[in-house]
């Protein structure tokens, strides 16, 4: 394989890892914000909770991405 293909796989792997890490943060926020009684009764959160979870997920991705590229820049 050429170095371009290796680089593309590496970039994809880093992106997937960042998205998964941010998704875990969003999942934890959803567990904290959406009452378990909603799920038990079959309801979903349609209020502002999903905006908060989305914001936390995007913020986490931004922080993780910046930290990773800052680490690359420093080396």
Protein backbone atom coordinates (compact mmCIF):
# COMPACT_ATOMS: atom_id res chain seq x y z
CA UNK A 1 0.00 0.00 0.00
CA UNK A 2 1.16 3.48 -0.69
CA UNK A 3 1.71 6.09 1.99
CA UNK A 4 -1.39 7.99 0.82
CA UNK A 5 -3.61 5.02 1.57
CA UNK A 6 -1.97 4.51 4.97
CA UNK A 7 -2.45 8.19 5.74
CA UNK A 8 -6.12 8.04 4.72
CA UNK A 9 -6.70 5.02 6.98
CA UNK A 10 -4.95 6.76 9.86
CA UNK A 11 -7.01 9.92 9.44
CA UNK A 12 -10.22 7.87 9.29
CA UNK A 13 -9.24 5.90 12.40
CA UNK A 14 -8.46 9.09 14.34
CA UNK A 15 -11.75 10.67 13.27
CA UNK A 16 -13.72 7.57 14.28
CA UNK A 17 -11.99 7.50 17.67
CA UNK A 18 -12.78 11.19 18.24
CA UNK A 19 -16.43 10.72 17.26
CA UNK A 20 -16.79 7.68 19.52
CA UNK A 21 -15.23 9.52 22.45
CA UNK A 22 -17.55 12.49 21.93
CA UNK A 23 -20.50 10.11 21.55
CA UNK A 24 -19.72 8.57 24.91
CA UNK A 25 -19.83 12.05 26.47
CA UNK A 26 -23.19 12.70 24.81
CA UNK A 27 -24.51 9.33 25.96
CA UNK A 28 -23.55 10.10 29.56
CA UNK A 29 -25.25 13.49 29.26
CA UNK A 30 -28.39 11.82 27.89
CA UNK A 31 -28.43 9.37 30.80
CA UNK A 32 -28.19 12.28 33.21
CA UNK A 33 -30.72 14.57 31.52
CA UNK A 34 -33.47 12.25 30.27
CA UNK A 35 -35.41 10.68 33.12
CA UNK A 36 -35.47 6.88 33.14
CA UNK A 37 -39.22 7.00 33.69
CA UNK A 38 -39.64 8.30 30.12
CA UNK A 39 -38.03 5.21 28.67
CA UNK A 40 -39.98 2.90 30.99
CA UNK A 41 -43.27 4.35 29.73
CA UNK A 42 -42.14 4.32 26.09
CA UNK A 43 -41.75 8.11 25.81
CA UNK A 44 -38.77 9.89 24.35
CA UNK A 45 -37.35 13.28 25.19
CA UNK A 46 -38.75 15.84 22.77
CA UNK A 47 -37.98 18.93 24.79
CA UNK A 48 -34.74 20.84 24.99
CA UNK A 49 -32.84 17.86 26.35
CA UNK A 50 -31.74 16.72 22.91
CA UNK A 51 -30.25 20.16 22.20
CA UNK A 52 -28.22 19.99 25.41
CA UNK A 53 -27.01 16.46 24.58
CA UNK A 54 -26.10 17.56 21.05
CA UNK A 55 -24.25 20.60 22.39
CA UNK A 56 -22.28 18.50 24.87
CA UNK A 57 -21.39 15.98 22.17
CA UNK A 58 -20.21 18.69 19.76
CA UNK A 59 -18.30 20.50 22.49
CA UNK A 60 -16.60 17.26 23.52
CA UNK A 61 -15.64 16.56 19.90
CA UNK A 62 -14.23 20.08 19.55
CA UNK A 63 -12.16 19.75 22.73
CA UNK A 64 -10.88 16.25 21.85
CA UNK A 65 -10.02 17.29 18.29
CA UNK A 66 -8.18 20.43 19.40
CA UNK A 67 -6.26 18.52 22.06
CA UNK A 68 -5.19 15.85 19.59
CA UNK A 69 -3.98 18.32 16.96
CA UNK A 70 -2.26 20.46 19.60
CA UNK A 71 -0.40 17.34 20.72
CA UNK A 72 0.61 16.65 17.10
CA UNK A 73 1.76 20.24 16.64
CA UNK A 74 3.90 20.14 19.79
CA UNK A 75 5.76 17.00 18.68
